[in-house]
Structure formats: structure tokens, C-alpha cells
Amino acid sequence: MQQSEVLEALKAYITNEVLDGKDIGLETTTPLLEWGVINSLEIVKVLNFIWNQFGIEIPAEKVTAEHFKDLVSLTHLVLGIAKES
């Protein structure tokens, strides 16, 4: 699993499913929580997407504001857990 693959999949999911396809200029470093791009309900949906897309379950203790800060942080979380398994 490549970083670019995970990053693009997460960006596409958030753009299409969370933002309903609206182009808000979502970048890899856009602050997802701070700008209200995702909320607690959307985080659950993103976790389900990660499970369905990559077969990776994010442990509850890893669901933190730091890990969901932006797409880069979220991608590093997914790749880090993938390496552990």
C-alpha cells in the first residue's frame, strides 16, 4: 500500500461522501476538524471507509484530533497501523 494511494482514496472519499462532491479546495493539509470538514459522525464514516477500502481497523485510542488533523496525518495513521499488522 502506497502513501499516494491511501491519500488519494481518503481525499476522494471525503470530497464525494462527506462534502457531497463540493469543491472547497480540499488539500492534503486542509485542517479537517478546525474547518469543520469532518465532525464526530463523519469520523465514524471515515473509519468505516478505511475498514472497507483497506481492511484496516483503527483502534479507538488512535481516534484523536491529532490523527484526524488533515489528510496527511490520517494517511500516516493508516499506513502506520498497516505496518503493525
PDB file of N, CA and C in Angstrom:
ATOM      1  N   MET A   1       0.852  -1.169   0.000  1.00  0.00           N
ATOM      2  CA  MET A   1       0.000   0.000   0.000  1.00  0.00           C
ATOM      3  C   MET A   1       0.902   1.238   0.000  1.00  0.00           C
ATOM      4  N   GLN A   2       0.675   2.080  -0.981  1.00  0.00           N
ATOM      5  CA  GLN A   2       1.488   3.280  -1.148  1.00  0.00           C
ATOM      6  C   GLN A   2       0.827   4.491  -0.494  1.00  0.00           C
ATOM      7  N   GLN A   3       1.645   5.427  -0.038  1.00  0.00           N
ATOM      8  CA  GLN A   3       1.128   6.634   0.598  1.00  0.00           C
ATOM      9  C   GLN A   3       0.199   7.392  -0.346  1.00  0.00           C
ATOM     10  N   SER A   4       0.597   7.527  -1.598  1.00  0.00           N
ATOM     11  CA  SER A   4      -0.220   8.285  -2.554  1.00  0.00           C
ATOM     12  C   SER A   4      -1.571   7.616  -2.785  1.00  0.00           C
ATOM     13  N   GLU A   5      -1.592   6.292  -2.790  1.00  0.00           N
ATOM     14  CA  GLU A   5      -2.846   5.542  -2.972  1.00  0.00           C
ATOM     15  C   GLU A   5      -3.813   5.813  -1.820  1.00  0.00           C
ATOM     16  N   VAL A   6      -3.309   5.746  -0.601  1.00  0.00           N
ATOM     17  CA  VAL A   6      -4.137   5.980   0.584  1.00  0.00           C
ATOM     18  C   VAL A   6      -4.607   7.429   0.613  1.00  0.00           C
ATOM     19  N   LEU A   7      -3.699   8.343   0.371  1.00  0.00           N
ATOM     20  CA  LEU A   7      -4.024   9.772   0.400  1.00  0.00           C
ATOM     21  C   LEU A   7      -5.110  10.115  -0.617  1.00  0.00           C
ATOM     22  N   GLU A   8      -4.967   9.633  -1.832  1.00  0.00           N
ATOM     23  CA  GLU A   8      -5.953   9.927  -2.879  1.00  0.00           C
ATOM     24  C   GLU A   8      -7.305   9.285  -2.576  1.00  0.00           C
ATOM     25  N   ALA A   9      -7.292   8.069  -2.030  1.00  0.00           N
ATOM     26  CA  ALA A   9      -8.553   7.399  -1.683  1.00  0.00           C
ATOM     27  C   ALA A   9      -9.282   8.160  -0.582  1.00  0.00           C
ATOM     28  N   LEU A  10      -8.549   8.600   0.433  1.00  0.00           N
ATOM     29  CA  LEU A  10      -9.165   9.366   1.525  1.00  0.00           C
ATOM     30  C   LEU A  10      -9.688  10.711   1.023  1.00  0.00           C
ATOM     31  N   LYS A  11      -8.914  11.365   0.190  1.00  0.00           N
ATOM     32  CA  LYS A  11      -9.336  12.663  -0.358  1.00  0.00           C
ATOM     33  C   LYS A  11     -10.596  12.498  -1.204  1.00  0.00           C
ATOM     34  N   ALA A  12     -10.625  11.476  -2.045  1.00  0.00           N
ATOM     35  CA  ALA A  12     -11.795  11.233  -2.892  1.00  0.00           C
ATOM     36  C   ALA A  12     -13.019  10.907  -2.043  1.00  0.00           C
ATOM     37  N   TYR A  13     -12.836  10.076  -1.019  1.00  0.00           N
ATOM     38  CA  TYR A  13     -13.965   9.721  -0.156  1.00  0.00           C
ATOM     39  C   TYR A  13     -14.522  10.959   0.542  1.00  0.00           C
ATOM     40  N   ILE A  14     -13.661  11.742   1.148  1.00  0.00           N
ATOM     41  CA  ILE A  14     -14.132  12.929   1.881  1.00  0.00           C
ATOM     42  C   ILE A  14     -14.783  13.926   0.922  1.00  0.00           C
ATOM     43  N   THR A  15     -14.196  14.113  -0.249  1.00  0.00           N
ATOM     44  CA  THR A  15     -14.781  15.039  -1.226  1.00  0.00           C
ATOM     45  C   THR A  15     -16.155  14.561  -1.683  1.00  0.00           C
ATOM     46  N   ASN A  16     -16.256  13.288  -2.041  1.00  0.00           N
ATOM     47  CA  ASN A  16     -17.500  12.768  -2.614  1.00  0.00           C
ATOM     48  C   ASN A  16     -18.573  12.463  -1.586  1.00  0.00           C
ATOM     49  N   GLU A  17     -18.197  11.873  -0.467  1.00  0.00           N
ATOM     50  CA  GLU A  17     -19.189  11.417   0.503  1.00  0.00           C
ATOM     51  C   GLU A  17     -19.462  12.423   1.617  1.00  0.00           C
ATOM     52  N   VAL A  18     -18.433  13.064   2.101  1.00  0.00           N
ATOM     53  CA  VAL A  18     -18.600  14.000   3.218  1.00  0.00           C
ATOM     54  C   VAL A  18     -19.003  15.382   2.700  1.00  0.00           C
ATOM     55  N   LEU A  19     -18.351  15.817   1.638  1.00  0.00           N
ATOM     56  CA  LEU A  19     -18.617  17.155   1.094  1.00  0.00           C
ATOM     57  C   LEU A  19     -19.608  17.127  -0.072  1.00  0.00           C
ATOM     58  N   ASP A  20     -20.191  15.962  -0.337  1.00  0.00           N
ATOM     59  CA  ASP A  20     -21.165  15.806  -1.430  1.00  0.00           C
ATOM     60  C   ASP A  20     -20.631  16.314  -2.766  1.00  0.00           C
ATOM     61  N   GLY A  21     -19.346  16.099  -3.008  1.00  0.00           N
ATOM     62  CA  GLY A  21     -18.735  16.475  -4.273  1.00  0.00           C
ATOM     63  C   GLY A  21     -18.418  17.953  -4.419  1.00  0.00           C
ATOM     64  N   LYS A  22     -18.648  18.727  -3.377  1.00  0.00           N
ATOM     65  CA  LYS A  22     -18.372  20.173  -3.446  1.00  0.00           C
ATOM     66  C   LYS A  22     -16.863  20.420  -3.431  1.00  0.00           C
ATOM     67  N   ASP A  23     -16.428  21.276  -4.304  1.00  0.00           N
ATOM     68  CA  ASP A  23     -15.009  21.619  -4.365  1.00  0.00           C
ATOM     69  C   ASP A  23     -14.745  22.794  -3.431  1.00  0.00           C
ATOM     70  N   ILE A  24     -14.199  22.489  -2.262  1.00  0.00           N
ATOM     71  CA  ILE A  24     -13.857  23.552  -1.312  1.00  0.00           C
ATOM     72  C   ILE A  24     -12.357  23.819  -1.328  1.00  0.00           C
ATOM     73  N   GLY A  25     -11.677  23.228  -2.326  1.00  0.00           N
ATOM     74  CA  GLY A  25     -10.229  23.383  -2.391  1.00  0.00           C
ATOM     75  C   GLY A  25      -9.529  22.500  -1.378  1.00  0.00           C
ATOM     76  N   LEU A  26     -10.079  21.311  -1.146  1.00  0.00           N
ATOM     77  CA  LEU A  26      -9.503  20.379  -0.171  1.00  0.00           C
ATOM     78  C   LEU A  26      -8.087  20.003  -0.580  1.00  0.00           C
ATOM     79  N   GLU A  27      -7.141  20.310   0.279  1.00  0.00           N
ATOM     80  CA  GLU A  27      -5.733  19.980   0.061  1.00  0.00           C
ATOM     81  C   GLU A  27      -5.313  18.950   1.100  1.00  0.00           C
ATOM     82  N   THR A  28      -4.125  18.419   0.937  1.00  0.00           N
ATOM     83  CA  THR A  28      -3.642  17.397   1.868  1.00  0.00           C
ATOM     84  C   THR A  28      -3.435  17.944   3.270  1.00  0.00           C
ATOM     85  N   THR A  29      -3.245  19.260   3.376  1.00  0.00           N
ATOM     86  CA  THR A  29      -3.010  19.871   4.690  1.00  0.00           C
ATOM     87  C   THR A  29      -4.184  20.729   5.171  1.00  0.00           C
ATOM     88  N   THR A  30      -5.326  20.638   4.496  1.00  0.00           N
ATOM     89  CA  THR A  30      -6.516  21.366   4.948  1.00  0.00           C
ATOM     90  C   THR A  30      -6.887  20.868   6.340  1.00  0.00           C
ATOM     91  N   PRO A  31      -7.053  21.749   7.300  1.00  0.00           N
ATOM     92  CA  PRO A  31      -7.409  21.316   8.663  1.00  0.00           C
ATOM     93  C   PRO A  31      -8.853  20.794   8.715  1.00  0.00           C
ATOM     94  N   LEU A  32      -8.992  19.478   8.749  1.00  0.00           N
ATOM     95  CA  LEU A  32     -10.303  18.836   8.639  1.00  0.00           C
ATOM     96  C   LEU A  32     -11.225  19.152   9.809  1.00  0.00           C
ATOM     97  N   LEU A  33     -10.720  19.082  11.006  1.00  0.00           N
ATOM     98  CA  LEU A  33     -11.548  19.345  12.189  1.00  0.00           C
ATOM     99  C   LEU A  33     -11.732  20.841  12.412  1.00  0.00           C
ATOM    100  N   GLU A  34     -10.652  21.571  12.320  1.00  0.00           N
ATOM    101  CA  GLU A  34     -10.670  23.011  12.591  1.00  0.00           C
ATOM    102  C   GLU A  34     -11.614  23.755  11.646  1.00  0.00           C
ATOM    103  N   TRP A  35     -11.658  23.337  10.390  1.00  0.00           N
ATOM    104  CA  TRP A  35     -12.514  23.989   9.406  1.00  0.00           C
ATOM    105  C   TRP A  35     -13.906  23.369   9.349  1.00  0.00           C
ATOM    106  N   GLY A  36     -14.151  22.348  10.169  1.00  0.00           N
ATOM    107  CA  GLY A  36     -15.465  21.713  10.184  1.00  0.00           C
ATOM    108  C   GLY A  36     -15.743  20.833   8.979  1.00  0.00           C
ATOM    109  N   VAL A  37     -14.687  20.386   8.304  1.00  0.00           N
ATOM    110  CA  VAL A  37     -14.861  19.492   7.158  1.00  0.00           C
ATOM    111  C   VAL A  37     -15.448  18.168   7.629  1.00  0.00           C
ATOM    112  N   ILE A  38     -14.941  17.662   8.753  1.00  0.00           N
ATOM    113  CA  ILE A  38     -15.494  16.441   9.337  1.00  0.00           C
ATOM    114  C   ILE A  38     -15.845  16.701  10.799  1.00  0.00           C
ATOM    115  N   ASN A  39     -16.832  15.943  11.268  1.00  0.00           N
ATOM    116  CA  ASN A  39     -17.243  16.002  12.672  1.00  0.00           C
ATOM    117  C   ASN A  39     -17.224  14.580  13.221  1.00  0.00           C
ATOM    118  N   SER A  40     -17.732  14.382  14.403  1.00  0.00           N
ATOM    119  CA  SER A  40     -17.647  13.060  15.031  1.00  0.00           C
ATOM    120  C   SER A  40     -18.387  11.991  14.226  1.00  0.00           C
ATOM    121  N   LEU A  41     -19.537  12.326  13.664  1.00  0.00           N
ATOM    122  CA  LEU A  41     -20.274  11.358  12.849  1.00  0.00           C
ATOM    123  C   LEU A  41     -19.497  11.030  11.581  1.00  0.00           C
ATOM    124  N   GLU A  42     -18.917  12.038  10.964  1.00  0.00           N
ATOM    125  CA  GLU A  42     -18.135  11.821   9.750  1.00  0.00           C
ATOM    126  C   GLU A  42     -16.878  11.004  10.042  1.00  0.00           C
ATOM    127  N   ILE A  43     -16.311  11.162  11.223  1.00  0.00           N
ATOM    128  CA  ILE A  43     -15.139  10.361  11.592  1.00  0.00           C
ATOM    129  C   ILE A  43     -15.500   8.883  11.598  1.00  0.00           C
ATOM    130  N   VAL A  44     -16.665   8.552  12.126  1.00  0.00           N
ATOM    131  CA  VAL A  44     -17.116   7.152  12.133  1.00  0.00           C
ATOM    132  C   VAL A  44     -17.251   6.644  10.701  1.00  0.00           C
ATOM    133  N   LYS A  45     -17.790   7.465   9.823  1.00  0.00           N
ATOM    134  CA  LYS A  45     -17.929   7.074   8.418  1.00  0.00           C
ATOM    135  C   LYS A  45     -16.561   6.883   7.761  1.00  0.00           C
ATOM    136  N   VAL A  46     -15.617   7.755   8.081  1.00  0.00           N
ATOM    137  CA  VAL A  46     -14.264   7.625   7.538  1.00  0.00           C
ATOM    138  C   VAL A  46     -13.620   6.337   8.051  1.00  0.00           C
ATOM    139  N   LEU A  47     -13.824   6.019   9.320  1.00  0.00           N
ATOM    140  CA  LEU A  47     -13.285   4.774   9.879  1.00  0.00           C
ATOM    141  C   LEU A  47     -13.858   3.566   9.153  1.00  0.00           C
ATOM    142  N   ASN A  48     -15.154   3.592   8.858  1.00  0.00           N
ATOM    143  CA  ASN A  48     -15.781   2.500   8.106  1.00  0.00           C
ATOM    144  C   ASN A  48     -15.214   2.413   6.693  1.00  0.00           C
ATOM    145  N   PHE A  49     -14.984   3.554   6.072  1.00  0.00           N
ATOM    146  CA  PHE A  49     -14.381   3.567   4.739  1.00  0.00           C
ATOM    147  C   PHE A  49     -12.991   2.936   4.776  1.00  0.00           C
ATOM    148  N   ILE A  50     -12.191   3.301   5.757  1.00  0.00           N
ATOM    149  CA  ILE A  50     -10.835   2.745   5.876  1.00  0.00           C
ATOM    150  C   ILE A  50     -10.901   1.229   6.029  1.00  0.00           C
ATOM    151  N   TRP A  51     -11.843   0.748   6.823  1.00  0.00           N
ATOM    152  CA  TRP A  51     -12.004  -0.700   7.010  1.00  0.00           C
ATOM    153  C   TRP A  51     -12.399  -1.362   5.688  1.00  0.00           C
ATOM    154  N   ASN A  52     -13.393  -0.797   5.015  1.00  0.00           N
ATOM    155  CA  ASN A  52     -13.882  -1.394   3.769  1.00  0.00           C
ATOM    156  C   ASN A  52     -12.871  -1.295   2.632  1.00  0.00           C
ATOM    157  N   GLN A  53     -12.154  -0.198   2.560  1.00  0.00           N
ATOM    158  CA  GLN A  53     -11.217   0.034   1.458  1.00  0.00           C
ATOM    159  C   GLN A  53      -9.882  -0.687   1.656  1.00  0.00           C
ATOM    160  N   PHE A  54      -9.377  -0.666   2.880  1.00  0.00           N
ATOM    161  CA  PHE A  54      -8.028  -1.172   3.134  1.00  0.00           C
ATOM    162  C   PHE A  54      -7.980  -2.360   4.088  1.00  0.00           C
ATOM    163  N   GLY A  55      -9.110  -2.701   4.707  1.00  0.00           N
ATOM    164  CA  GLY A  55      -9.131  -3.806   5.662  1.00  0.00           C
ATOM    165  C   GLY A  55      -8.382  -3.489   6.942  1.00  0.00           C
ATOM    166  N   ILE A  56      -8.329  -2.210   7.284  1.00  0.00           N
ATOM    167  CA  ILE A  56      -7.594  -1.770   8.471  1.00  0.00           C
ATOM    168  C   ILE A  56      -8.578  -1.219   9.483  1.00  0.00           C
ATOM    169  N   GLU A  57      -8.507  -1.751  10.693  1.00  0.00           N
ATOM    170  CA  GLU A  57      -9.346  -1.255  11.779  1.00  0.00           C
ATOM    171  C   GLU A  57      -8.518  -0.299  12.632  1.00  0.00           C
ATOM    172  N   ILE A  58      -9.016   0.907  12.776  1.00  0.00           N
ATOM    173  CA  ILE A  58      -8.331   1.913  13.581  1.00  0.00           C
ATOM    174  C   ILE A  58      -8.770   1.734  15.031  1.00  0.00           C
ATOM    175  N   PRO A  59      -7.838   1.438  15.946  1.00  0.00           N
ATOM    176  CA  PRO A  59      -8.209   1.285  17.358  1.00  0.00           C
ATOM    177  C   PRO A  59      -8.734   2.595  17.942  1.00  0.00           C
ATOM    178  N   ALA A  60      -9.645   2.480  18.885  1.00  0.00           N
ATOM    179  CA  ALA A  60     -10.281   3.656  19.496  1.00  0.00           C
ATOM    180  C   ALA A  60      -9.251   4.635  20.056  1.00  0.00           C
ATOM    181  N   GLU A  61      -8.171   4.124  20.631  1.00  0.00           N
ATOM    182  CA  GLU A  61      -7.176   5.021  21.230  1.00  0.00           C
ATOM    183  C   GLU A  61      -6.411   5.838  20.179  1.00  0.00           C
ATOM    184  N   LYS A  62      -6.520   5.445  18.910  1.00  0.00           N
ATOM    185  CA  LYS A  62      -5.856   6.193  17.831  1.00  0.00           C
ATOM    186  C   LYS A  62      -6.784   7.238  17.196  1.00  0.00           C
ATOM    187  N   VAL A  63      -8.052   7.230  17.596  1.00  0.00           N
ATOM    188  CA  VAL A  63      -9.010   8.198  17.050  1.00  0.00           C
ATOM    189  C   VAL A  63      -8.881   9.485  17.862  1.00  0.00           C
ATOM    190  N   THR A  64      -7.918  10.295  17.460  1.00  0.00           N
ATOM    191  CA  THR A  64      -7.618  11.541  18.167  1.00  0.00           C
ATOM    192  C   THR A  64      -7.624  12.707  17.182  1.00  0.00           C
ATOM    193  N   ALA A  65      -7.738  13.898  17.723  1.00  0.00           N
ATOM    194  CA  ALA A  65      -7.704  15.099  16.882  1.00  0.00           C
ATOM    195  C   ALA A  65      -6.388  15.184  16.114  1.00  0.00           C
ATOM    196  N   GLU A  66      -5.314  14.743  16.729  1.00  0.00           N
ATOM    197  CA  GLU A  66      -4.004  14.772  16.071  1.00  0.00           C
ATOM    198  C   GLU A  66      -4.000  13.915  14.807  1.00  0.00           C
ATOM    199  N   HIS A  67      -4.600  12.717  14.883  1.00  0.00           N
ATOM    200  CA  HIS A  67      -4.612  11.813  13.737  1.00  0.00           C
ATOM    201  C   HIS A  67      -5.606  12.227  12.658  1.00  0.00           C
ATOM    202  N   PHE A  68      -6.614  13.011  13.024  1.00  0.00           N
ATOM    203  CA  PHE A  68      -7.619  13.451  12.061  1.00  0.00           C
ATOM    204  C   PHE A  68      -7.458  14.931  11.714  1.00  0.00           C
ATOM    205  N   LYS A  69      -6.286  15.467  12.010  1.00  0.00           N
ATOM    206  CA  LYS A  69      -5.997  16.887  11.783  1.00  0.00           C
ATOM    207  C   LYS A  69      -6.129  17.254  10.305  1.00  0.00           C
ATOM    208  N   ASP A  70      -5.554  16.428   9.437  1.00  0.00           N
ATOM    209  CA  ASP A  70      -5.597  16.673   7.994  1.00  0.00           C
ATOM    210  C   ASP A  70      -5.398  15.341   7.275  1.00  0.00           C
ATOM    211  N   LEU A  71      -5.451  15.368   5.957  1.00  0.00           N
ATOM    212  CA  LEU A  71      -5.327  14.134   5.182  1.00  0.00           C
ATOM    213  C   LEU A  71      -3.958  13.482   5.339  1.00  0.00           C
ATOM    214  N   VAL A  72      -2.916  14.279   5.479  1.00  0.00           N
ATOM    215  CA  VAL A  72      -1.568  13.730   5.663  1.00  0.00           C
ATOM    216  C   VAL A  72      -1.496  12.949   6.975  1.00  0.00           C
ATOM    217  N   SER A  73      -2.005  13.518   8.054  1.00  0.00           N
ATOM    218  CA  SER A  73      -1.987  12.841   9.359  1.00  0.00           C
ATOM    219  C   SER A  73      -2.805  11.560   9.319  1.00  0.00           C
ATOM    220  N   LEU A  74      -3.947  11.617   8.679  1.00  0.00           N
ATOM    221  CA  LEU A  74      -4.810  10.441   8.573  1.00  0.00           C
ATOM    222  C   LEU A  74      -4.148   9.352   7.737  1.00  0.00           C
ATOM    223  N   THR A  75      -3.489   9.746   6.669  1.00  0.00           N
ATOM    224  CA  THR A  75      -2.763   8.786   5.831  1.00  0.00           C
ATOM    225  C   THR A  75      -1.643   8.121   6.621  1.00  0.00           C
ATOM    226  N   HIS A  76      -0.891   8.892   7.390  1.00  0.00           N
ATOM    227  CA  HIS A  76       0.185   8.322   8.210  1.00  0.00           C
ATOM    228  C   HIS A  76      -0.376   7.345   9.238  1.00  0.00           C
ATOM    229  N   LEU A  77      -1.534   7.652   9.793  1.00  0.00           N
ATOM    230  CA  LEU A  77      -2.175   6.739  10.741  1.00  0.00           C
ATOM    231  C   LEU A  77      -2.493   5.413  10.065  1.00  0.00           C
ATOM    232  N   VAL A  78      -3.123   5.465   8.906  1.00  0.00           N
ATOM    233  CA  VAL A  78      -3.492   4.242   8.181  1.00  0.00           C
ATOM    234  C   VAL A  78      -2.245   3.427   7.848  1.00  0.00           C
ATOM    235  N   LEU A  79      -1.228   4.068   7.314  1.00  0.00           N
ATOM    236  CA  LEU A  79      -0.003   3.353   6.940  1.00  0.00           C
ATOM    237  C   LEU A  79       0.722   2.798   8.162  1.00  0.00           C
ATOM    238  N   GLY A  80       0.714   3.546   9.262  1.00  0.00           N
ATOM    239  CA  GLY A  80       1.354   3.072  10.492  1.00  0.00           C
ATOM    240  C   GLY A  80       0.683   1.826  11.039  1.00  0.00           C
ATOM    241  N   ILE A  81      -0.632   1.808  11.024  1.00  0.00           N
ATOM    242  CA  ILE A  81      -1.357   0.634  11.517  1.00  0.00           C
ATOM    243  C   ILE A  81      -1.178  -0.533  10.555  1.00  0.00           C
ATOM    244  N   ALA A  82      -1.124  -0.252   9.263  1.00  0.00           N
ATOM    245  CA  ALA A  82      -0.900  -1.313   8.276  1.00  0.00           C
ATOM    246  C   ALA A  82       0.451  -1.983   8.507  1.00  0.00           C
ATOM    247  N   LYS A  83       1.470  -1.199   8.858  1.00  0.00           N
ATOM    248  CA  LYS A  83       2.801  -1.763   9.121  1.00  0.00           C
ATOM    249  C   LYS A  83       2.807  -2.637  10.367  1.00  0.00           C
ATOM    250  N   GLU A  84       1.987  -2.262  11.358  1.00  0.00           N
ATOM    251  CA  GLU A  84       1.932  -3.013  12.614  1.00  0.00           C
ATOM    252  C   GLU A  84       1.272  -4.375  12.443  1.00  0.00           C
ATOM    253  N   SER A  85       0.383  -4.489  11.439  1.00  0.00           N
ATOM    254  CA  SER A  85      -0.341  -5.754  11.301  1.00  0.00           C
ATOM    255  C   SER A  85       0.383  -6.769  10.469  1.00  0.00           C
TER     256      SER A  85
END
